[in-house]
Amino acid sequence: MPLINKMEKRTPKGTLSVRVEETVKEQLDLYCNFMQCGRQHVVDQALRLLFERDADFQAWLARRSESEHGQAVGAG
């Protein structure tokens, strides 16, 4: 079962240009072929999966959000 979801709907996109190792590019192209979709969809979904499953990142986001919320409340 693939880890990446099939593309379901069009949403607004930003532009990102990155360089990766040739072996990563080759694997990306193979995965795109497997999923029958484009690179941008696979990269988008892979990053979403990374962000969602990284517990340290999620904890950092929560602390950041709490900090920003506390500043906004105290600023009024």
C-alpha atoms as a PDB file:
ATOM      1  CA  MET A   1       0.000   0.000   0.000  1.00  0.00           C
ATOM      2  CA  PRO A   2       1.499   3.363  -0.994  1.00  0.00           C
ATOM      3  CA  LEU A   3       2.297   5.913   1.717  1.00  0.00           C
ATOM      4  CA  ILE A   4       1.411   8.793  -0.599  1.00  0.00           C
ATOM      5  CA  ASN A   5      -2.232   9.592  -1.279  1.00  0.00           C
ATOM      6  CA  LYS A   6      -3.426   9.824  -4.857  1.00  0.00           C
ATOM      7  CA  MET A   7      -4.143  13.344  -6.038  1.00  0.00           C
ATOM      8  CA  GLU A   8      -7.777  14.147  -5.287  1.00  0.00           C
ATOM      9  CA  LYS A   9      -8.345  17.831  -5.927  1.00  0.00           C
ATOM     10  CA  ARG A  10      -6.573  20.941  -7.087  1.00  0.00           C
ATOM     11  CA  THR A  11      -5.468  23.379  -4.412  1.00  0.00           C
ATOM     12  CA  PRO A  12      -3.451  26.592  -4.693  1.00  0.00           C
ATOM     13  CA  LYS A  13       0.255  25.855  -5.042  1.00  0.00           C
ATOM     14  CA  GLY A  14       3.414  27.750  -4.158  1.00  0.00           C
ATOM     15  CA  THR A  15       6.660  27.389  -6.055  1.00  0.00           C
ATOM     16  CA  LEU A  16       9.677  25.587  -4.656  1.00  0.00           C
ATOM     17  CA  SER A  17      12.912  24.811  -6.462  1.00  0.00           C
ATOM     18  CA  VAL A  18      15.293  22.312  -4.888  1.00  0.00           C
ATOM     19  CA  ARG A  19      18.312  20.256  -5.856  1.00  0.00           C
ATOM     20  CA  VAL A  20      18.544  16.641  -4.725  1.00  0.00           C
ATOM     21  CA  GLU A  21      21.062  13.860  -5.193  1.00  0.00           C
ATOM     22  CA  GLU A  22      20.711  12.065  -8.516  1.00  0.00           C
ATOM     23  CA  THR A  23      19.729   8.810  -6.759  1.00  0.00           C
ATOM     24  CA  VAL A  24      16.916  10.634  -4.929  1.00  0.00           C
ATOM     25  CA  LYS A  25      15.682  12.075  -8.229  1.00  0.00           C
ATOM     26  CA  GLU A  26      15.742   8.619  -9.808  1.00  0.00           C
ATOM     27  CA  GLN A  27      13.774   7.132  -6.906  1.00  0.00           C
ATOM     28  CA  LEU A  28      11.315  10.039  -7.074  1.00  0.00           C
ATOM     29  CA  ASP A  29      10.735   9.403 -10.757  1.00  0.00           C
ATOM     30  CA  LEU A  30      10.228   5.691 -10.127  1.00  0.00           C
ATOM     31  CA  TYR A  31       7.765   6.435  -7.320  1.00  0.00           C
ATOM     32  CA  CYS A  32       5.893   8.865  -9.577  1.00  0.00           C
ATOM     33  CA  ASN A  33       5.677   6.144 -12.192  1.00  0.00           C
ATOM     34  CA  PHE A  34       4.400   3.708  -9.546  1.00  0.00           C
ATOM     35  CA  MET A  35       1.786   6.218  -8.335  1.00  0.00           C
ATOM     36  CA  GLN A  36       1.013   7.491 -11.840  1.00  0.00           C
ATOM     37  CA  CYS A  37       1.326  11.118 -10.796  1.00  0.00           C
ATOM     38  CA  GLY A  38       3.729  14.036 -11.053  1.00  0.00           C
ATOM     39  CA  ARG A  39       6.731  14.939  -8.943  1.00  0.00           C
ATOM     40  CA  GLN A  40       5.065  17.910  -7.305  1.00  0.00           C
ATOM     41  CA  HIS A  41       2.303  15.739  -5.856  1.00  0.00           C
ATOM     42  CA  VAL A  42       4.735  13.156  -4.460  1.00  0.00           C
ATOM     43  CA  VAL A  43       6.980  15.821  -2.924  1.00  0.00           C
ATOM     44  CA  ASP A  44       3.981  17.661  -1.460  1.00  0.00           C
ATOM     45  CA  GLN A  45       2.543  14.498   0.082  1.00  0.00           C
ATOM     46  CA  ALA A  46       5.937  13.266   1.321  1.00  0.00           C
ATOM     47  CA  LEU A  47       6.573  16.567   3.110  1.00  0.00           C
ATOM     48  CA  ARG A  48       3.087  16.509   4.637  1.00  0.00           C
ATOM     49  CA  LEU A  49       3.761  12.978   5.887  1.00  0.00           C
ATOM     50  CA  LEU A  50       7.103  14.043   7.333  1.00  0.00           C
ATOM     51  CA  PHE A  51       5.617  17.053   9.134  1.00  0.00           C
ATOM     52  CA  GLU A  52       2.714  14.995  10.487  1.00  0.00           C
ATOM     53  CA  ARG A  53       4.790  12.087  11.790  1.00  0.00           C
ATOM     54  CA  ASP A  54       7.769  13.974  13.262  1.00  0.00           C
ATOM     55  CA  ALA A  55       6.885  14.137  16.975  1.00  0.00           C
ATOM     56  CA  ASP A  56       9.686  16.581  17.789  1.00  0.00           C
ATOM     57  CA  PHE A  57       8.509  18.934  15.049  1.00  0.00           C
ATOM     58  CA  GLN A  58       4.917  18.690  16.288  1.00  0.00           C
ATOM     59  CA  ALA A  59       6.037  19.504  19.849  1.00  0.00           C
ATOM     60  CA  TRP A  60       8.064  22.450  18.556  1.00  0.00           C
ATOM     61  CA  LEU A  61       5.045  23.713  16.600  1.00  0.00           C
ATOM     62  CA  ALA A  62       2.856  23.448  19.699  1.00  0.00           C
ATOM     63  CA  ARG A  63       5.348  25.421  21.805  1.00  0.00           C
ATOM     64  CA  ARG A  64       5.658  28.022  19.065  1.00  0.00           C
ATOM     65  CA  SER A  65       1.889  28.323  18.770  1.00  0.00           C
ATOM     66  CA  GLU A  66       1.482  28.655  22.548  1.00  0.00           C
ATOM     67  CA  SER A  67       4.178  31.320  22.609  1.00  0.00           C
ATOM     68  CA  GLU A  68       2.576  33.306  19.786  1.00  0.00           C
ATOM     69  CA  HIS A  69      -0.878  32.937  21.350  1.00  0.00           C
ATOM     70  CA  GLY A  70       0.446  34.147  24.727  1.00  0.00           C
ATOM     71  CA  GLN A  71       2.054  37.194  23.120  1.00  0.00           C
ATOM     72  CA  ALA A  72      -1.127  38.062  21.225  1.00  0.00           C
ATOM     73  CA  VAL A  73      -3.258  37.788  24.370  1.00  0.00           C
ATOM     74  CA  GLY A  74      -0.836  39.863  26.433  1.00  0.00           C
ATOM     75  CA  ALA A  75      -0.468  42.524  23.731  1.00  0.00           C
ATOM     76  CA  GLY A  76      -4.082  43.734  23.952  1.00  0.00           C
END
